[in-house]
Amino acid sequence: MAEVDQNSQGLTAFPDGLSPDCEKLELYANKIKKVPPSIGDLKKLKLLNVFNNQIGLSLPNEIGSLPDLEEVNLAANKLAMLKDVHFASWANVQILNLNDNNLSAIGSLA
């Protein structure tokens, strides 16, 4: 299983060159400001943990195209809105943590 574990490394951006076979992406307690659209290339991703970063406003639409996601932790960021498209293929998500964000809207936004 491909796994990336770069917690508490002071990262300000997602690591480059992530394998499309990556199943676990652990990037919590960094200083990442945005999730890149290339997240959509990680079709086998089961766990995404970006807890306690500085991810602002919203997420790229491509995050909604990850059908194998089971656990998503976006807590303690600066997210303000999430659209339906962000959750489009998340039928397998069992754990979703959005606590401690600035969310004013979730879903139904074009």
N, C-alpha and C. Protein backbone atom coordinates (compact mmCIF):
# COMPACT_ATOMS: atom_id res chain seq x y z
N MET A 1 0.84 -1.18 0.00
CA MET A 1 0.00 0.00 0.00
C MET A 1 0.89 1.24 0.00
N ALA A 2 0.65 2.15 -0.93
CA ALA A 2 1.39 3.41 -0.97
C ALA A 2 0.83 4.36 0.09
N GLU A 3 1.74 4.90 0.87
CA GLU A 3 1.34 5.77 1.98
C GLU A 3 2.31 6.93 2.09
N VAL A 4 1.77 8.14 2.31
CA VAL A 4 2.60 9.31 2.53
C VAL A 4 2.29 9.82 3.93
N ASP A 5 3.31 9.92 4.76
CA ASP A 5 3.16 10.40 6.13
C ASP A 5 4.17 11.51 6.35
N GLN A 6 3.70 12.75 6.21
CA GLN A 6 4.57 13.92 6.38
C GLN A 6 3.92 14.89 7.36
N ASN A 7 3.58 14.39 8.52
CA ASN A 7 2.96 15.20 9.56
C ASN A 7 4.00 16.07 10.26
N SER A 8 3.57 17.25 10.64
CA SER A 8 4.42 18.16 11.43
C SER A 8 5.79 18.39 10.81
N GLN A 9 5.80 18.60 9.50
CA GLN A 9 7.06 18.83 8.78
C GLN A 9 7.24 20.29 8.35
N GLY A 10 6.30 21.15 8.70
CA GLY A 10 6.40 22.55 8.29
C GLY A 10 6.10 22.78 6.83
N LEU A 11 5.42 21.81 6.18
CA LEU A 11 5.10 21.94 4.75
C LEU A 11 4.15 23.12 4.52
N THR A 12 4.38 23.85 3.43
CA THR A 12 3.49 24.94 3.06
C THR A 12 2.68 24.59 1.82
N ALA A 13 2.96 23.43 1.23
CA ALA A 13 2.23 22.96 0.05
C ALA A 13 2.22 21.44 0.05
N PHE A 14 1.30 20.87 -0.71
CA PHE A 14 1.26 19.41 -0.88
C PHE A 14 2.58 18.96 -1.47
N PRO A 15 3.07 17.79 -1.08
CA PRO A 15 4.31 17.28 -1.68
C PRO A 15 4.14 17.03 -3.17
N ASP A 16 5.19 17.23 -3.92
CA ASP A 16 5.18 16.97 -5.36
C ASP A 16 5.33 15.48 -5.63
N GLY A 17 4.86 15.06 -6.79
CA GLY A 17 5.09 13.70 -7.27
C GLY A 17 4.41 12.60 -6.48
N LEU A 18 3.22 12.87 -5.97
CA LEU A 18 2.50 11.83 -5.25
C LEU A 18 2.11 10.71 -6.20
N SER A 19 2.28 9.49 -5.77
CA SER A 19 1.96 8.33 -6.61
C SER A 19 0.46 8.19 -6.78
N PRO A 20 -0.01 7.89 -7.99
CA PRO A 20 -1.44 7.66 -8.19
C PRO A 20 -1.94 6.45 -7.40
N ASP A 21 -1.02 5.61 -6.92
CA ASP A 21 -1.39 4.45 -6.11
C ASP A 21 -1.49 4.77 -4.62
N CYS A 22 -1.28 6.01 -4.25
CA CYS A 22 -1.32 6.41 -2.85
C CYS A 22 -2.70 6.14 -2.25
N GLU A 23 -2.73 5.43 -1.12
CA GLU A 23 -3.98 5.11 -0.44
C GLU A 23 -4.16 5.91 0.85
N LYS A 24 -3.05 6.33 1.46
CA LYS A 24 -3.12 7.12 2.69
C LYS A 24 -2.24 8.35 2.54
N LEU A 25 -2.85 9.51 2.79
CA LEU A 25 -2.13 10.77 2.69
C LEU A 25 -2.30 11.51 4.02
N GLU A 26 -1.24 11.49 4.82
CA GLU A 26 -1.25 12.10 6.15
C GLU A 26 -0.36 13.33 6.13
N LEU A 27 -1.00 14.49 6.18
CA LEU A 27 -0.27 15.76 6.12
C LEU A 27 -0.70 16.71 7.24
N TYR A 28 -1.11 16.16 8.38
CA TYR A 28 -1.64 17.03 9.43
C TYR A 28 -0.54 17.81 10.14
N ALA A 29 -0.97 18.91 10.76
CA ALA A 29 -0.09 19.79 11.54
C ALA A 29 1.05 20.36 10.69
N ASN A 30 0.71 20.89 9.53
CA ASN A 30 1.65 21.60 8.68
C ASN A 30 1.12 23.02 8.47
N LYS A 31 1.55 23.68 7.41
CA LYS A 31 1.11 25.05 7.10
C LYS A 31 0.61 25.14 5.67
N ILE A 32 0.00 24.05 5.22
CA ILE A 32 -0.50 23.97 3.84
C ILE A 32 -1.69 24.91 3.68
N LYS A 33 -1.66 25.72 2.61
CA LYS A 33 -2.70 26.72 2.39
C LYS A 33 -3.78 26.30 1.40
N LYS A 34 -3.47 25.32 0.52
CA LYS A 34 -4.50 24.88 -0.42
C LYS A 34 -4.26 23.45 -0.86
N VAL A 35 -5.36 22.82 -1.22
CA VAL A 35 -5.31 21.47 -1.78
C VAL A 35 -5.26 21.64 -3.29
N PRO A 36 -4.26 21.09 -3.96
CA PRO A 36 -4.14 21.28 -5.41
C PRO A 36 -5.14 20.44 -6.19
N PRO A 37 -5.53 20.89 -7.38
CA PRO A 37 -6.43 20.10 -8.23
C PRO A 37 -5.89 18.71 -8.54
N SER A 38 -4.58 18.53 -8.47
CA SER A 38 -3.98 17.22 -8.74
C SER A 38 -4.40 16.16 -7.72
N ILE A 39 -5.07 16.56 -6.64
CA ILE A 39 -5.60 15.58 -5.68
C ILE A 39 -6.53 14.60 -6.41
N GLY A 40 -7.16 15.05 -7.47
CA GLY A 40 -8.07 14.21 -8.25
C GLY A 40 -7.38 13.05 -8.95
N ASP A 41 -6.05 13.08 -9.04
CA ASP A 41 -5.29 12.00 -9.67
C ASP A 41 -5.10 10.81 -8.73
N LEU A 42 -5.39 10.99 -7.45
CA LEU A 42 -5.15 9.94 -6.45
C LEU A 42 -6.40 9.07 -6.30
N LYS A 43 -6.77 8.38 -7.36
CA LYS A 43 -8.03 7.63 -7.42
C LYS A 43 -8.13 6.49 -6.42
N LYS A 44 -7.00 6.04 -5.85
CA LYS A 44 -7.02 4.93 -4.89
C LYS A 44 -6.99 5.42 -3.44
N LEU A 45 -7.02 6.75 -3.27
CA LEU A 45 -6.90 7.32 -1.93
C LEU A 45 -8.07 6.90 -1.04
N LYS A 46 -7.74 6.35 0.13
CA LYS A 46 -8.74 5.93 1.09
C LYS A 46 -8.80 6.86 2.30
N LEU A 47 -7.64 7.44 2.66
CA LEU A 47 -7.57 8.31 3.82
C LEU A 47 -6.86 9.62 3.45
N LEU A 48 -7.51 10.72 3.74
CA LEU A 48 -6.93 12.05 3.54
C LEU A 48 -7.00 12.77 4.88
N ASN A 49 -5.84 13.08 5.45
CA ASN A 49 -5.80 13.77 6.73
C ASN A 49 -4.95 15.03 6.58
N VAL A 50 -5.63 16.17 6.52
CA VAL A 50 -4.96 17.47 6.45
C VAL A 50 -5.41 18.34 7.63
N PHE A 51 -5.68 17.68 8.75
CA PHE A 51 -6.06 18.35 10.00
C PHE A 51 -4.99 19.37 10.39
N ASN A 52 -5.45 20.51 10.90
CA ASN A 52 -4.56 21.52 11.46
C ASN A 52 -3.53 22.04 10.46
N ASN A 53 -4.04 22.56 9.35
CA ASN A 53 -3.24 23.28 8.36
C ASN A 53 -3.83 24.67 8.22
N GLN A 54 -3.63 25.31 7.10
CA GLN A 54 -4.18 26.66 6.87
C GLN A 54 -4.96 26.70 5.56
N ILE A 55 -5.60 25.58 5.23
CA ILE A 55 -6.34 25.47 3.97
C ILE A 55 -7.51 26.44 4.01
N GLY A 56 -7.54 27.35 3.03
CA GLY A 56 -8.49 28.44 3.08
C GLY A 56 -9.62 28.35 2.07
N LEU A 57 -10.68 29.00 2.39
CA LEU A 57 -11.89 29.20 1.60
C LEU A 57 -12.57 27.92 1.13
N SER A 58 -12.01 27.23 0.14
CA SER A 58 -12.69 26.06 -0.41
C SER A 58 -11.67 25.04 -0.88
N LEU A 59 -12.18 23.98 -1.47
CA LEU A 59 -11.35 22.89 -2.00
C LEU A 59 -11.49 22.84 -3.51
N PRO A 60 -10.55 22.24 -4.21
CA PRO A 60 -10.71 22.10 -5.66
C PRO A 60 -11.84 21.09 -5.95
N ASN A 61 -12.55 21.31 -7.02
CA ASN A 61 -13.65 20.40 -7.39
C ASN A 61 -13.17 18.97 -7.56
N GLU A 62 -11.92 18.80 -7.95
CA GLU A 62 -11.37 17.47 -8.22
C GLU A 62 -11.38 16.55 -7.00
N ILE A 63 -11.46 17.12 -5.81
CA ILE A 63 -11.48 16.28 -4.61
C ILE A 63 -12.75 15.41 -4.57
N GLY A 64 -13.77 15.85 -5.26
CA GLY A 64 -15.02 15.10 -5.31
C GLY A 64 -14.99 13.90 -6.23
N SER A 65 -13.88 13.69 -6.92
CA SER A 65 -13.79 12.58 -7.88
C SER A 65 -12.99 11.40 -7.32
N LEU A 66 -12.93 11.29 -5.99
CA LEU A 66 -12.15 10.23 -5.35
C LEU A 66 -13.10 9.18 -4.76
N PRO A 67 -13.40 8.13 -5.52
CA PRO A 67 -14.44 7.18 -5.14
C PRO A 67 -14.07 6.23 -4.00
N ASP A 68 -12.79 6.07 -3.70
CA ASP A 68 -12.38 5.10 -2.67
C ASP A 68 -12.19 5.73 -1.28
N LEU A 69 -12.37 7.05 -1.17
CA LEU A 69 -12.17 7.69 0.13
C LEU A 69 -13.09 7.08 1.18
N GLU A 70 -12.50 6.80 2.34
CA GLU A 70 -13.26 6.27 3.47
C GLU A 70 -13.19 7.20 4.68
N GLU A 71 -12.08 7.92 4.79
CA GLU A 71 -11.90 8.83 5.93
C GLU A 71 -11.28 10.13 5.44
N VAL A 72 -11.91 11.26 5.82
CA VAL A 72 -11.44 12.58 5.41
C VAL A 72 -11.42 13.48 6.65
N ASN A 73 -10.25 14.01 6.98
CA ASN A 73 -10.13 14.91 8.10
C ASN A 73 -9.64 16.26 7.60
N LEU A 74 -10.55 17.21 7.56
CA LEU A 74 -10.26 18.58 7.13
C LEU A 74 -10.39 19.56 8.28
N ALA A 75 -10.44 19.05 9.51
CA ALA A 75 -10.67 19.89 10.69
C ALA A 75 -9.51 20.87 10.92
N ALA A 76 -9.84 21.94 11.63
CA ALA A 76 -8.85 22.95 12.05
C ALA A 76 -8.12 23.58 10.87
N ASN A 77 -8.89 23.99 9.88
CA ASN A 77 -8.38 24.75 8.74
C ASN A 77 -9.16 26.05 8.65
N LYS A 78 -9.21 26.66 7.49
CA LYS A 78 -9.92 27.93 7.31
C LYS A 78 -10.97 27.83 6.22
N LEU A 79 -11.51 26.63 6.03
CA LEU A 79 -12.52 26.42 4.98
C LEU A 79 -13.76 27.24 5.27
N ALA A 80 -14.29 27.91 4.24
CA ALA A 80 -15.48 28.74 4.39
C ALA A 80 -16.68 28.14 3.68
N MET A 81 -16.45 27.38 2.59
CA MET A 81 -17.57 26.80 1.88
C MET A 81 -17.19 25.50 1.19
N LEU A 82 -18.15 24.61 1.14
CA LEU A 82 -17.99 23.35 0.43
C LEU A 82 -19.22 23.17 -0.45
N LYS A 83 -18.99 22.74 -1.69
CA LYS A 83 -20.07 22.57 -2.66
C LYS A 83 -20.40 21.09 -2.83
N ASP A 84 -21.56 20.82 -3.39
CA ASP A 84 -21.96 19.43 -3.65
C ASP A 84 -20.89 18.68 -4.45
N VAL A 85 -20.27 19.35 -5.39
CA VAL A 85 -19.27 18.71 -6.25
C VAL A 85 -18.08 18.17 -5.43
N HIS A 86 -17.82 18.75 -4.27
CA HIS A 86 -16.73 18.27 -3.42
C HIS A 86 -17.00 16.89 -2.85
N PHE A 87 -18.26 16.51 -2.78
CA PHE A 87 -18.65 15.22 -2.20
C PHE A 87 -19.20 14.24 -3.24
N ALA A 88 -19.10 14.58 -4.51
CA ALA A 88 -19.78 13.87 -5.59
C ALA A 88 -19.58 12.36 -5.60
N SER A 89 -18.37 11.87 -5.40
CA SER A 89 -18.07 10.44 -5.48
C SER A 89 -17.71 9.83 -4.13
N TRP A 90 -18.15 10.45 -3.06
CA TRP A 90 -17.74 10.01 -1.73
C TRP A 90 -18.70 9.01 -1.10
N ALA A 91 -19.20 8.06 -1.85
CA ALA A 91 -20.17 7.09 -1.33
C ALA A 91 -19.59 6.20 -0.23
N ASN A 92 -18.26 6.04 -0.19
CA ASN A 92 -17.63 5.16 0.79
C ASN A 92 -17.11 5.88 2.03
N VAL A 93 -17.25 7.21 2.09
CA VAL A 93 -16.73 7.95 3.23
C VAL A 93 -17.55 7.59 4.48
N GLN A 94 -16.84 7.11 5.49
CA GLN A 94 -17.47 6.75 6.76
C GLN A 94 -17.17 7.78 7.84
N ILE A 95 -16.03 8.46 7.73
CA ILE A 95 -15.64 9.46 8.71
C ILE A 95 -15.30 10.75 7.97
N LEU A 96 -15.99 11.83 8.33
CA LEU A 96 -15.73 13.15 7.76
C LEU A 96 -15.66 14.14 8.90
N ASN A 97 -14.51 14.75 9.09
CA ASN A 97 -14.32 15.71 10.17
C ASN A 97 -14.09 17.09 9.57
N LEU A 98 -15.04 18.01 9.83
CA LEU A 98 -14.96 19.38 9.34
C LEU A 98 -14.92 20.38 10.50
N ASN A 99 -14.73 19.89 11.71
CA ASN A 99 -14.74 20.75 12.90
C ASN A 99 -13.70 21.86 12.81
N ASP A 100 -14.01 22.95 13.49
CA ASP A 100 -13.08 24.06 13.65
C ASP A 100 -12.62 24.66 12.32
N ASN A 101 -13.60 24.94 11.45
CA ASN A 101 -13.38 25.68 10.23
C ASN A 101 -14.26 26.93 10.28
N ASN A 102 -14.31 27.69 9.22
CA ASN A 102 -15.14 28.89 9.15
C ASN A 102 -16.31 28.66 8.19
N LEU A 103 -16.86 27.46 8.19
CA LEU A 103 -17.87 27.09 7.19
C LEU A 103 -19.15 27.88 7.35
N SER A 104 -19.54 28.55 6.26
CA SER A 104 -20.81 29.25 6.22
C SER A 104 -21.76 28.59 5.25
N ALA A 105 -21.25 27.70 4.40
CA ALA A 105 -22.10 27.00 3.43
C ALA A 105 -21.53 25.62 3.14
N ILE A 106 -22.42 24.64 3.15
CA ILE A 106 -22.05 23.27 2.79
C ILE A 106 -23.09 22.76 1.80
N GLY A 107 -22.66 22.42 0.60
CA GLY A 107 -23.53 21.83 -0.41
C GLY A 107 -24.39 22.81 -1.16
N SER A 108 -24.93 22.33 -2.26
CA SER A 108 -25.91 23.02 -3.12
C SER A 108 -25.42 24.26 -3.82
N LEU A 109 -24.14 24.57 -3.74
CA LEU A 109 -23.63 25.74 -4.45
C LEU A 109 -23.03 25.32 -5.77
N ALA A 110 -23.32 26.05 -6.82
CA ALA A 110 -22.80 25.72 -8.15
C ALA A 110 -21.33 26.01 -8.24
